Protein backbone atom coordinates (compact mmCIF):
# COMPACT_ATOMS: atom_id res chain seq x y z
CA UNK A 1 84.50 -82.21 -8.21
CA UNK A 2 83.34 -79.21 -6.19
CA UNK A 3 83.68 -81.20 -3.00
CA UNK A 4 87.23 -82.22 -3.80
CA UNK A 5 88.18 -78.66 -4.66
CA UNK A 6 86.77 -77.52 -1.35
CA UNK A 7 88.74 -80.14 0.56
CA UNK A 8 92.02 -79.28 -1.11
CA UNK A 9 91.87 -75.52 -0.75
CA UNK A 10 91.21 -74.76 2.88
CA UNK A 11 93.05 -74.36 6.16
CA UNK A 12 91.77 -74.56 9.71
CA UNK A 13 90.90 -71.91 12.27
CA UNK A 14 88.63 -71.18 15.20
CA UNK A 15 84.92 -71.37 14.57
CA UNK A 16 82.58 -68.46 13.93
CA UNK A 17 79.07 -69.65 13.19
CA UNK A 18 77.73 -68.35 9.88
CA UNK A 19 73.97 -68.09 9.57
CA UNK A 20 73.12 -66.90 6.04
CA UNK A 21 69.79 -65.37 5.12
CA UNK A 22 67.30 -67.29 3.00
CA UNK A 23 68.81 -65.68 -0.07
CA UNK A 24 72.25 -66.74 1.05
CA UNK A 25 71.84 -70.48 0.49
CA UNK A 26 74.24 -70.62 -2.37
CA UNK A 27 77.55 -72.32 -3.03
CA UNK A 28 80.36 -70.50 -4.84
CA UNK A 29 81.12 -71.73 -8.32
CA UNK A 30 84.67 -72.38 -7.23
CA UNK A 31 85.50 -72.72 -3.56
CA UNK A 32 89.07 -71.93 -4.48
CA UNK A 33 88.04 -68.29 -4.35
CA UNK A 34 89.34 -68.40 -0.80
CA UNK A 35 92.88 -69.04 -2.01
CA UNK A 36 94.49 -70.12 1.24
CA UNK A 37 98.06 -71.44 1.00
CA UNK A 38 98.66 -75.04 2.10
CA UNK A 39 102.29 -74.47 3.08
CA UNK A 40 101.54 -74.34 6.82
CA UNK A 41 99.78 -77.71 6.76
CA UNK A 42 102.46 -79.18 4.51
CA UNK A 43 105.25 -78.14 6.88
CA UNK A 44 103.36 -79.56 9.84
CA UNK A 45 102.82 -82.91 8.13
CA UNK A 46 106.44 -83.15 6.97
CA UNK A 47 107.75 -82.15 10.39
CA UNK A 48 105.73 -84.86 12.16
CA UNK A 49 106.14 -87.66 9.63
CA UNK A 50 108.81 -90.11 10.80
CA UNK A 51 111.69 -90.52 8.40
CA UNK A 52 112.23 -94.08 7.16
CA UNK A 53 115.97 -93.55 7.62
CA UNK A 54 115.59 -93.17 11.40
CA UNK A 55 113.86 -96.49 12.00
CA UNK A 56 115.65 -99.25 13.88
CA UNK A 57 113.73 -102.19 12.44
CA UNK A 58 115.43 -104.16 9.64
CA UNK A 59 114.01 -103.87 6.13
CA UNK A 60 112.72 -106.96 4.39
CA UNK A 61 114.13 -105.85 1.04
CA UNK A 62 116.68 -103.31 -0.24
CA UNK A 63 115.45 -99.72 -0.37
CA UNK A 64 113.83 -98.69 -3.65
CA UNK A 65 115.06 -95.45 -5.18
CA UNK A 66 112.28 -93.10 -6.24
CA UNK A 67 112.28 -90.06 -8.46
CA UNK A 68 111.77 -86.49 -7.31
CA UNK A 69 108.40 -86.49 -9.06
CA UNK A 70 107.27 -89.52 -7.06
CA UNK A 71 108.37 -87.91 -3.81
CA UNK A 72 106.55 -84.68 -4.66
CA UNK A 73 103.41 -86.61 -5.56
CA UNK A 74 103.58 -88.52 -2.28
CA UNK A 75 104.08 -85.33 -0.27
CA UNK A 76 101.11 -83.72 -1.99
CA UNK A 77 98.98 -86.77 -1.26
CA UNK A 78 99.87 -86.67 2.42
CA UNK A 79 99.11 -82.94 2.56
CA UNK A 80 95.71 -83.37 0.91
CA UNK A 81 94.97 -86.28 3.22
CA UNK A 82 95.76 -84.07 6.22
CA UNK A 83 93.37 -81.39 4.96
CA UNK A 84 90.54 -83.86 4.36
CA UNK A 85 91.16 -85.36 7.80
CA UNK A 86 91.05 -81.95 9.49
CA UNK A 87 87.65 -81.20 7.97
CA UNK A 88 86.13 -84.39 9.37
CA UNK A 89 87.77 -84.51 12.81
CA UNK A 90 87.73 -80.82 13.71
CA UNK A 91 84.13 -79.68 14.09
CA UNK A 92 85.38 -76.08 14.45
CA UNK A 93 87.24 -76.23 11.13
CA UNK A 94 86.72 -73.26 8.84
CA UNK A 95 88.42 -71.34 6.08
CA UNK A 96 90.19 -68.13 7.01
CA UNK A 97 91.53 -65.39 4.75
CA UNK A 98 95.26 -65.68 4.18
CA UNK A 99 97.15 -62.78 5.69
CA UNK A 100 100.96 -62.53 5.71
CA UNK A 101 102.47 -62.16 9.21
CA UNK A 102 102.71 -58.65 10.58
CA UNK A 103 106.06 -57.07 9.73
CA UNK A 104 107.01 -59.79 7.23
CA UNK A 105 108.60 -58.97 3.88
CA UNK A 106 105.63 -60.52 2.09
CA UNK A 107 103.23 -58.21 3.92
CA UNK A 108 105.36 -55.16 3.18
CA UNK A 109 105.52 -56.00 -0.53
CA UNK A 110 101.78 -56.63 -0.63
CA UNK A 111 101.00 -53.29 1.03
CA UNK A 112 103.36 -51.40 -1.28
CA UNK A 113 101.89 -53.00 -4.41
CA UNK A 114 98.32 -52.35 -3.31
CA UNK A 115 99.08 -48.73 -2.44
CA UNK A 116 100.75 -48.22 -5.81
CA UNK A 117 97.72 -49.68 -7.62
CA UNK A 118 95.15 -47.56 -5.80
CA UNK A 119 97.30 -44.41 -6.11
CA UNK A 120 97.61 -45.01 -9.85
CA UNK A 121 93.86 -45.49 -10.19
CA UNK A 122 93.15 -42.30 -8.23
CA UNK A 123 95.55 -40.40 -10.49
CA UNK A 124 93.79 -41.78 -13.59
CA UNK A 125 90.38 -40.67 -12.37
CA UNK A 126 91.73 -37.14 -11.70
CA UNK A 127 92.99 -36.74 -15.24
CA UNK A 128 91.15 -34.46 -17.65
CA UNK A 129 89.41 -36.29 -19.22
CA UNK A 130 89.46 -39.16 -16.65
CA UNK A 131 91.05 -42.48 -17.60
CA UNK A 132 89.04 -45.56 -16.59
CA UNK A 133 91.48 -48.32 -17.54
CA UNK A 134 92.06 -49.62 -13.99
CA UNK A 135 88.47 -48.97 -12.90
CA UNK A 136 87.02 -51.11 -15.72
CA UNK A 137 89.32 -53.99 -14.82
CA UNK A 138 88.11 -53.77 -11.23
CA UNK A 139 84.47 -53.73 -12.32
CA UNK A 140 85.10 -56.86 -14.38
CA UNK A 141 86.52 -58.64 -11.31
CA UNK A 142 83.62 -57.49 -9.15
CA UNK A 143 81.11 -58.72 -11.73
CA UNK A 144 82.76 -62.14 -11.83
CA UNK A 145 82.70 -62.38 -8.03
CA UNK A 146 79.02 -61.41 -7.79
CA UNK A 147 78.12 -64.01 -10.41
CA UNK A 148 80.07 -66.65 -8.47
CA UNK A 149 77.70 -66.17 -5.53
CA UNK A 150 74.67 -67.21 -7.62
CA UNK A 151 73.07 -70.62 -7.97
CA UNK A 152 71.77 -71.85 -11.34
CA UNK A 153 68.20 -70.97 -10.33
CA UNK A 154 69.00 -67.29 -9.80
CA UNK A 155 68.37 -66.32 -13.39
CA UNK A 156 66.77 -62.93 -12.69
CA UNK A 157 69.67 -61.80 -10.49
CA UNK A 158 72.15 -62.97 -13.09
CA UNK A 159 70.34 -61.05 -15.82
CA UNK A 160 70.29 -57.92 -13.67
CA UNK A 161 74.03 -58.11 -12.98
CA UNK A 162 74.77 -58.73 -16.66
CA UNK A 163 72.58 -55.77 -17.62
CA UNK A 164 74.07 -53.21 -15.24
CA UNK A 165 77.69 -54.40 -15.40
CA UNK A 166 77.72 -54.75 -19.18
CA UNK A 167 81.46 -54.38 -19.79
CA UNK A 168 81.32 -53.46 -23.53
CA UNK A 169 78.73 -50.79 -22.70
CA UNK A 170 80.82 -49.55 -19.77
CA UNK A 171 83.87 -49.32 -22.05
CA UNK A 172 81.84 -47.36 -24.60
CA UNK A 173 80.54 -44.99 -21.90
CA UNK A 174 84.11 -44.44 -20.66
CA UNK A 175 85.29 -43.53 -24.16
CA UNK A 176 82.46 -41.03 -24.51
CA UNK A 177 82.92 -39.51 -21.05
CA UNK A 178 79.52 -40.73 -19.86
CA UNK A 179 80.59 -43.37 -17.30
CA UNK A 180 79.10 -42.96 -13.82
CA UNK A 181 81.24 -45.15 -11.54
CA UNK A 182 79.42 -43.87 -8.47
CA UNK A 183 76.10 -45.23 -9.74
CA UNK A 184 77.68 -48.61 -10.57
CA UNK A 185 79.32 -48.77 -7.15
CA UNK A 186 76.00 -48.20 -5.39
CA UNK A 187 74.43 -50.99 -7.46
CA UNK A 188 77.30 -53.29 -6.45
CA UNK A 189 76.85 -52.44 -2.77
CA UNK A 190 73.13 -53.16 -3.03
CA UNK A 191 73.78 -56.58 -4.57
CA UNK A 192 76.34 -57.36 -1.87
CA UNK A 193 73.74 -56.55 0.77
CA UNK A 194 71.37 -59.16 -0.66
CA UNK A 195 74.10 -61.82 -0.94
CA UNK A 196 76.03 -61.42 2.30
CA UNK A 197 75.61 -63.40 5.51
CA UNK A 198 74.11 -61.51 8.48
CA UNK A 199 77.56 -61.20 10.06
CA UNK A 200 78.56 -58.95 7.13
CA UNK A 201 75.58 -56.57 7.27
CA UNK A 202 77.54 -53.99 9.26
CA UNK A 203 80.43 -54.12 6.80
CA UNK A 204 78.10 -53.62 3.82
CA UNK A 205 76.24 -50.78 5.55
CA UNK A 206 79.54 -48.98 6.14
CA UNK A 207 80.14 -49.06 2.37
CA UNK A 208 77.03 -46.90 1.85
CA UNK A 209 78.65 -44.15 3.93
CA UNK A 210 81.74 -43.86 1.67
CA UNK A 211 81.39 -41.15 -1.00
CA UNK A 212 84.87 -41.11 -2.56
CA UNK A 213 85.18 -43.53 -5.51
CA UNK A 214 88.64 -45.00 -4.84
CA UNK A 215 88.14 -45.64 -1.09
CA UNK A 216 84.73 -47.13 -1.92
CA UNK A 217 86.08 -49.57 -4.50
CA UNK A 218 88.92 -50.49 -2.16
CA UNK A 219 86.45 -51.22 0.66
CA UNK A 220 84.19 -53.17 -1.72
CA UNK A 221 87.04 -55.52 -2.60
CA UNK A 222 87.88 -56.01 1.06
CA UNK A 223 84.29 -57.00 1.94
CA UNK A 224 83.99 -59.21 -1.15
CA UNK A 225 87.03 -61.17 0.00
CA UNK A 226 85.31 -61.81 3.33
CA UNK A 227 82.10 -62.83 1.57
CA UNK A 228 84.00 -65.39 -0.51
CA UNK A 229 85.26 -66.98 2.68
CA UNK A 230 81.76 -66.89 4.21
CA UNK A 231 80.29 -68.63 1.17
CA UNK A 232 83.00 -71.29 1.17
CA UNK A 233 82.48 -71.94 4.90
CA UNK A 234 78.72 -72.20 4.44
CA UNK A 235 79.21 -74.68 1.59
CA UNK A 236 81.60 -76.67 3.78
CA UNK A 237 79.11 -76.69 6.66
CA UNK A 238 76.33 -77.82 4.33
CA UNK A 239 78.17 -80.76 2.79
CA UNK A 240 80.01 -81.95 5.92
CA UNK A 241 77.36 -84.58 6.82
CA UNK A 242 77.71 -86.09 3.34
CA UNK A 243 81.50 -86.21 3.37
CA UNK A 244 82.07 -88.92 5.99
CA UNK A 245 82.15 -92.01 3.76
CA UNK A 246 84.00 -90.25 0.95
CA UNK A 247 86.55 -88.90 3.40
CA UNK A 248 87.13 -92.33 4.98
CA UNK A 249 87.76 -93.92 1.59
CA UNK A 250 89.86 -90.99 0.40
CA UNK A 251 92.09 -90.99 3.47
CA UNK A 252 92.46 -94.77 3.48
CA UNK A 253 93.42 -94.82 -0.20
CA UNK A 254 95.92 -92.02 0.24
CA UNK A 255 97.55 -93.82 3.14
CA UNK A 256 97.64 -97.06 1.12
CA UNK A 257 99.44 -95.22 -1.69
CA UNK A 258 101.90 -93.83 0.83
CA UNK A 259 102.37 -97.33 2.31
CA UNK A 260 103.19 -98.75 -1.12
CA UNK A 261 106.02 -96.23 -1.49
CA UNK A 262 107.16 -96.65 2.15
CA UNK A 263 106.60 -100.34 3.03
CA UNK A 264 107.85 -99.88 6.61
CA UNK A 265 105.44 -97.00 7.31
CA UNK A 266 103.53 -98.99 9.95
CA UNK A 267 106.45 -99.97 12.17
CA UNK A 268 105.57 -97.61 15.02
CA UNK A 269 101.88 -98.53 14.79
CA UNK A 270 102.78 -102.22 15.18
CA UNK A 271 104.97 -101.42 18.17
CA UNK A 272 102.18 -99.34 19.73
CA UNK A 273 99.65 -102.19 19.48
CA UNK A 274 102.15 -104.89 20.48
CA UNK A 275 103.11 -103.05 23.67
CA UNK A 276 99.44 -102.52 24.54
CA UNK A 277 98.68 -106.22 24.08
CA UNK A 278 101.73 -107.13 26.18
CA UNK A 279 100.56 -104.89 29.03
CA UNK A 280 97.12 -106.49 28.98
CA UNK A 281 98.56 -110.02 28.96
CA UNK A 282 100.76 -109.18 31.94
CA UNK A 283 97.69 -107.82 33.71
CA UNK A 284 95.94 -111.16 33.04
CA UNK A 285 98.89 -113.09 34.45
CA UNK A 286 98.80 -111.03 37.64
CA UNK A 287 95.12 -111.80 38.05
CA UNK A 288 94.11 -108.17 37.54
CA UNK A 289 91.89 -108.72 34.54
CA UNK A 290 89.47 -111.11 32.92
CA UNK A 291 90.55 -113.82 30.46
CA UNK A 292 89.24 -111.79 27.55
CA UNK A 293 91.11 -108.63 28.57
CA UNK A 294 93.55 -108.96 25.65
CA UNK A 295 90.80 -109.24 23.03
CA UNK A 296 91.24 -107.16 19.84
CA UNK A 297 88.65 -104.55 20.83
CA UNK A 298 90.16 -104.11 24.29
CA UNK A 299 93.68 -103.87 22.89
CA UNK A 300 92.52 -101.29 20.37
CA UNK A 301 90.62 -99.09 22.83
CA UNK A 302 93.36 -99.20 25.45
CA UNK A 303 95.94 -98.41 22.78
CA UNK A 304 94.08 -95.18 22.04
CA UNK A 305 93.92 -94.45 25.76
CA UNK A 306 97.72 -94.83 25.96
CA UNK A 307 98.04 -91.92 23.55
CA UNK A 308 96.85 -89.67 26.39
CA UNK A 309 99.86 -90.78 28.44
CA UNK A 310 102.40 -90.64 25.61
CA UNK A 311 105.97 -89.47 26.08
CA UNK A 312 106.20 -87.32 22.95
CA UNK A 313 109.81 -86.36 23.64
CA UNK A 314 111.22 -89.89 23.44
CA UNK A 315 108.69 -92.27 21.84
CA UNK A 316 107.89 -92.02 18.10
CA UNK A 317 104.18 -91.54 17.54
CA UNK A 318 102.18 -94.24 15.67
CA UNK A 319 101.89 -93.41 11.97
CA UNK A 320 98.14 -93.93 11.75
CA UNK A 321 97.44 -91.21 14.33
CA UNK A 322 100.27 -88.91 13.34
CA UNK A 323 98.00 -86.27 11.85
CA UNK A 324 96.27 -85.97 15.22
CA UNK A 325 99.43 -85.85 17.33
CA UNK A 326 99.07 -82.15 18.19
CA UNK A 327 95.38 -82.58 18.96
CA UNK A 328 96.09 -85.60 21.19
CA UNK A 329 98.85 -83.68 22.99
CA UNK A 330 96.31 -80.97 23.78
CA UNK A 331 93.88 -83.60 25.07
CA UNK A 332 96.66 -85.12 27.17
CA UNK A 333 97.38 -81.75 28.74
CA UNK A 334 93.67 -81.21 29.42
CA UNK A 335 93.48 -84.62 31.15
CA UNK A 336 96.41 -83.68 33.39
CA UNK A 337 94.82 -80.34 34.22
CA UNK A 338 91.45 -81.91 35.09
CA UNK A 339 93.12 -84.57 37.25
CA UNK A 340 94.98 -81.94 39.29
CA UNK A 341 91.94 -79.67 39.53
CA UNK A 342 89.62 -82.45 40.71
CA UNK A 343 92.29 -83.75 43.12
CA UNK A 344 92.65 -80.39 44.86
CA UNK A 345 88.88 -79.95 45.15
CA UNK A 346 88.46 -83.48 46.50
CA UNK A 347 91.11 -82.82 49.16
CA UNK A 348 89.41 -79.57 50.17
CA UNK A 349 85.99 -81.14 50.62
CA UNK A 350 87.20 -84.29 52.38
CA UNK A 351 89.41 -82.25 54.71
CA UNK A 352 86.91 -79.53 55.58
CA UNK A 353 83.97 -81.90 55.90
CA UNK A 354 80.30 -81.07 56.37
CA UNK A 355 80.94 -77.42 57.23
CA UNK A 356 81.18 -76.45 53.56
CA UNK A 357 79.09 -79.23 52.07
CA UNK A 358 76.25 -77.81 50.02
CA UNK A 359 77.18 -74.14 50.41
CA UNK A 360 75.90 -72.40 47.25
CA UNK A 361 78.52 -71.12 44.85
CA UNK A 362 81.50 -72.25 46.91
CA UNK A 363 82.51 -75.10 44.64
CA UNK A 364 82.50 -72.85 41.58
CA UNK A 365 84.51 -70.20 43.41
CA UNK A 366 87.17 -72.68 44.49
CA UNK A 367 87.24 -74.23 41.03
CA UNK A 368 87.78 -70.83 39.41
CA UNK A 369 90.62 -70.03 41.83
CA UNK A 370 92.43 -73.31 41.23
CA UNK A 371 91.74 -73.27 37.48
CA UNK A 372 93.27 -69.82 37.10
CA UNK A 373 96.46 -70.98 38.81
CA UNK A 374 96.69 -74.08 36.58
CA UNK A 375 95.99 -72.28 33.30
CA UNK A 376 99.70 -72.13 32.41
CA UNK A 377 100.74 -75.44 33.97
CA UNK A 378 102.23 -76.72 30.70
CA UNK A 379 104.31 -73.64 30.03
CA UNK A 380 108.09 -73.99 30.57
CA UNK A 381 108.01 -71.14 33.07
CA UNK A 382 105.42 -72.86 35.32
CA UNK A 383 106.75 -73.47 38.83
CA UNK A 384 104.64 -76.28 40.32
CA UNK A 385 105.72 -76.03 43.99
CA UNK A 386 105.24 -72.27 44.01
CA UNK A 387 101.88 -72.48 42.21
CA UNK A 388 100.44 -75.15 44.51
CA UNK A 389 101.72 -73.34 47.60
CA UNK A 390 99.85 -70.25 46.37
CA UNK A 391 96.74 -72.36 45.69
CA UNK A 392 96.84 -73.62 49.28
CA UNK A 393 97.16 -70.09 50.66
CA UNK A 394 94.29 -68.73 48.56
CA UNK A 395 91.95 -71.63 49.29
CA UNK A 396 92.54 -71.35 53.03
CA UNK A 397 91.68 -67.64 52.92
CA UNK A 398 88.57 -68.33 50.83
CA UNK A 399 87.42 -71.17 53.09
CA UNK A 400 87.93 -69.13 56.28
CA UNK A 401 85.93 -66.27 54.83
CA UNK A 402 83.15 -68.58 53.68
CA UNK A 403 82.94 -70.38 57.05
CA UNK A 404 82.72 -67.06 58.90
CA UNK A 405 79.92 -65.81 56.63
CA UNK A 406 77.85 -68.93 57.39
CA UNK A 407 78.38 -68.95 61.14
CA UNK A 408 81.05 -71.64 61.38
CA UNK A 409 84.31 -71.20 63.28
CA UNK A 410 87.20 -70.20 61.00
CA UNK A 411 90.00 -72.51 60.01
CA UNK A 412 92.45 -73.28 62.79
CA UNK A 413 96.16 -72.92 62.17
CA UNK A 414 96.62 -76.70 62.27
CA UNK A 415 93.79 -77.27 59.78
CA UNK A 416 95.19 -74.66 57.40
CA UNK A 417 98.68 -76.12 57.64
CA UNK A 418 97.39 -79.65 57.02
CA UNK A 419 95.30 -78.60 54.01
CA UNK A 420 98.20 -76.69 52.47
CA UNK A 421 100.47 -79.70 52.90
CA UNK A 422 98.00 -82.06 51.24
CA UNK A 423 97.47 -79.67 48.32
CA UNK A 424 101.23 -79.25 47.83
CA UNK A 425 101.72 -83.03 47.82
CA UNK A 426 99.46 -83.33 44.75
CA UNK A 427 102.39 -82.30 42.54
CA UNK A 428 103.98 -85.71 43.23
CA UNK A 429 103.04 -88.22 40.48
CA UNK A 430 102.58 -91.01 43.05
CA UNK A 431 100.23 -88.99 45.26
CA UNK A 432 97.33 -91.28 46.20
CA UNK A 433 94.57 -88.75 45.56
CA UNK A 434 96.08 -87.74 42.23
CA UNK A 435 96.49 -91.40 41.23
CA UNK A 436 92.88 -92.10 42.19
CA UNK A 437 91.47 -89.21 40.13
CA UNK A 438 93.71 -90.08 37.20
CA UNK A 439 92.45 -93.66 37.27
CA UNK A 440 88.83 -92.49 37.36
CA UNK A 441 89.34 -90.14 34.42
CA UNK A 442 91.05 -92.89 32.39
CA UNK A 443 88.28 -95.38 33.23
CA UNK A 444 85.62 -92.86 32.22
CA UNK A 445 87.26 -92.21 28.85
CA UNK A 446 87.63 -95.95 28.28
CA UNK A 447 83.96 -96.45 29.15
CA UNK A 448 83.03 -93.77 26.60
CA UNK A 449 84.96 -95.66 23.89
CA UNK A 450 83.35 -98.97 24.87
CA UNK A 451 79.79 -97.65 25.20
CA UNK A 452 79.45 -96.28 21.68
CA UNK A 453 78.23 -92.92 20.42
CA UNK A 454 74.64 -93.06 21.70
CA UNK A 455 75.22 -93.91 25.37
CA UNK A 456 76.94 -91.88 28.05
CA UNK A 457 78.51 -93.81 30.94
CA UNK A 458 77.95 -92.54 34.51
CA UNK A 459 80.49 -90.07 35.83
CA UNK A 460 82.81 -91.53 38.51
CA UNK A 461 82.76 -90.05 42.00
CA UNK A 462 84.81 -86.93 42.64
CA UNK A 463 84.64 -85.72 39.04
CA UNK A 464 81.37 -83.79 39.30
CA UNK A 465 83.14 -80.39 39.62
CA UNK A 466 84.85 -80.95 36.23
CA UNK A 467 81.97 -82.82 34.58
CA UNK A 468 81.40 -80.21 31.85
CA UNK A 469 85.05 -80.10 30.80
CA UNK A 470 85.46 -83.87 31.04
CA UNK A 471 82.40 -84.60 28.92
CA UNK A 472 83.56 -82.16 26.26
CA UNK A 473 86.96 -83.84 26.22
CA UNK A 474 85.34 -87.29 26.02
CA UNK A 475 83.20 -86.27 23.03
CA UNK A 476 86.20 -84.94 21.11
CA UNK A 477 88.34 -87.95 21.98
CA UNK A 478 85.60 -90.42 21.03
CA UNK A 479 84.95 -88.65 17.70
CA UNK A 480 88.64 -88.73 16.83
CA UNK A 481 89.01 -92.42 17.78
CA UNK A 482 85.90 -93.54 15.90
CA UNK A 483 86.96 -91.76 12.73
CA UNK A 484 90.48 -93.20 13.00
CA UNK A 485 89.00 -96.68 13.39
CA UNK A 486 86.88 -96.25 10.27
CA UNK A 487 89.84 -95.15 8.19
CA UNK A 488 92.54 -97.54 9.37
CA UNK A 489 90.57 -100.63 10.45
CA UNK A 490 91.97 -102.84 7.61
CA UNK A 491 95.53 -102.02 8.68
CA UNK A 492 94.78 -102.53 12.38
CA UNK A 493 93.06 -105.84 11.67
CA UNK A 494 96.11 -107.30 9.95
CA UNK A 495 98.45 -106.16 12.72
CA UNK A 496 96.26 -107.46 15.54
CA UNK A 497 95.77 -110.79 13.78
CA UNK A 498 99.53 -111.28 13.92
CA UNK A 499 100.11 -110.27 17.52
CA UNK A 500 97.09 -111.86 19.23
CA UNK A 501 96.29 -115.50 19.89
CA UNK A 502 94.48 -117.50 17.16
CA UNK A 503 91.29 -117.35 19.23
CA UNK A 504 90.98 -113.64 18.49
CA UNK A 505 92.09 -113.61 14.85
CA UNK A 506 88.60 -113.08 13.41
CA UNK A 507 87.16 -109.78 14.50
CA UNK A 508 85.75 -106.49 13.32
CA UNK A 509 86.97 -103.21 14.78
């Protein structure tokens, strides 16, 4: 039950490694302590889920009317499935504290309410005699949070917290004017120091420098909120290796439930696989492939590879990979960037020849120059002709300087002009160098899918300058594909059995 709660109550964000101390190996009683709203994920799933009313394929039976409750239940299932999927596919997934956007009405209301609360508490403590109504409520919340950080075996720590933060005794001390909130606050800070992850040590140490009661309690709550998130992320990191099989079954069952309510929810997936098989058959007919080219495994792997060439503006995305559409778009953009980067570097080295071959640091310098110019290549404001003209100018200056430093004659005007022209021509989709590097990148990614998780295929020629980036991309792409295969293999098997020849009907993905 704890695992399910953890899956259903988190959102994604960039990774910060959390390395707890030996005393930190504890899981919160309820991972929902990091109460992160799911609305962002829900909107993303709903926005990317194709509507059954927009499909062109005929329905086998009249549409079935469903109740609002059924629709809400289905939407919730899809949202939860997306969250579980994100945990498994995104290795950098972690929980982040929920913060309303800067300047939003929600943030303004939150700040006003918090200020009113702390001002009221400060006024109570300044009364004669002081009123501790708000302070005792805060101490009760702090006590509950500290106890949530404990494991069942931490009996001595639990007894100590229960002894010092004894709420009936604290209430009695408040009524008799004997309550020392400062002493209790210092005890709380000490306990936080023993519970927190190393990344929070500085935050806890800063608490020891605060002497005013209200600012101290306010800061304590702020750090406790961060510690809740740290504990939830550590629990998530600890159980991730054990979640694979459960997540596969969970996601498959959720999709099956969705499919029962939307019987035509695999139309685009069928089209995706059918078109891939058709392309492979045509390749066979032209004598460009082996007789087994259109086998189920080949169709499946090449179908995934097609997702890195997808026209997202005009072609509906297959339903079974819909949750990864944004991630695959990012991979597609990275492939395009690496193809252009490697193409430019290949042109430089083939044009300049042996004069720059083996010069230390030159390749990295040229790569950095070109990479900086291509960083925004997928932004609407990117001007390709202007950018590649600038790349040509900068590379010619860099090459001339490098040749002079090593005793070679500088670039001639004709050589510079020719190099700039070749670099500028790379922006054309049918450029031969660009097409060659694109083919090599695609073949490498296909080889990674075909070779399995424990073998790395050799890197094709010309891709050495981008080897680090390409290997990272291949690992992420392979992980995503393998998990998708595990989840949706029963659905893929039925589809491929219908579209392939009887020879290939029996297979395992």
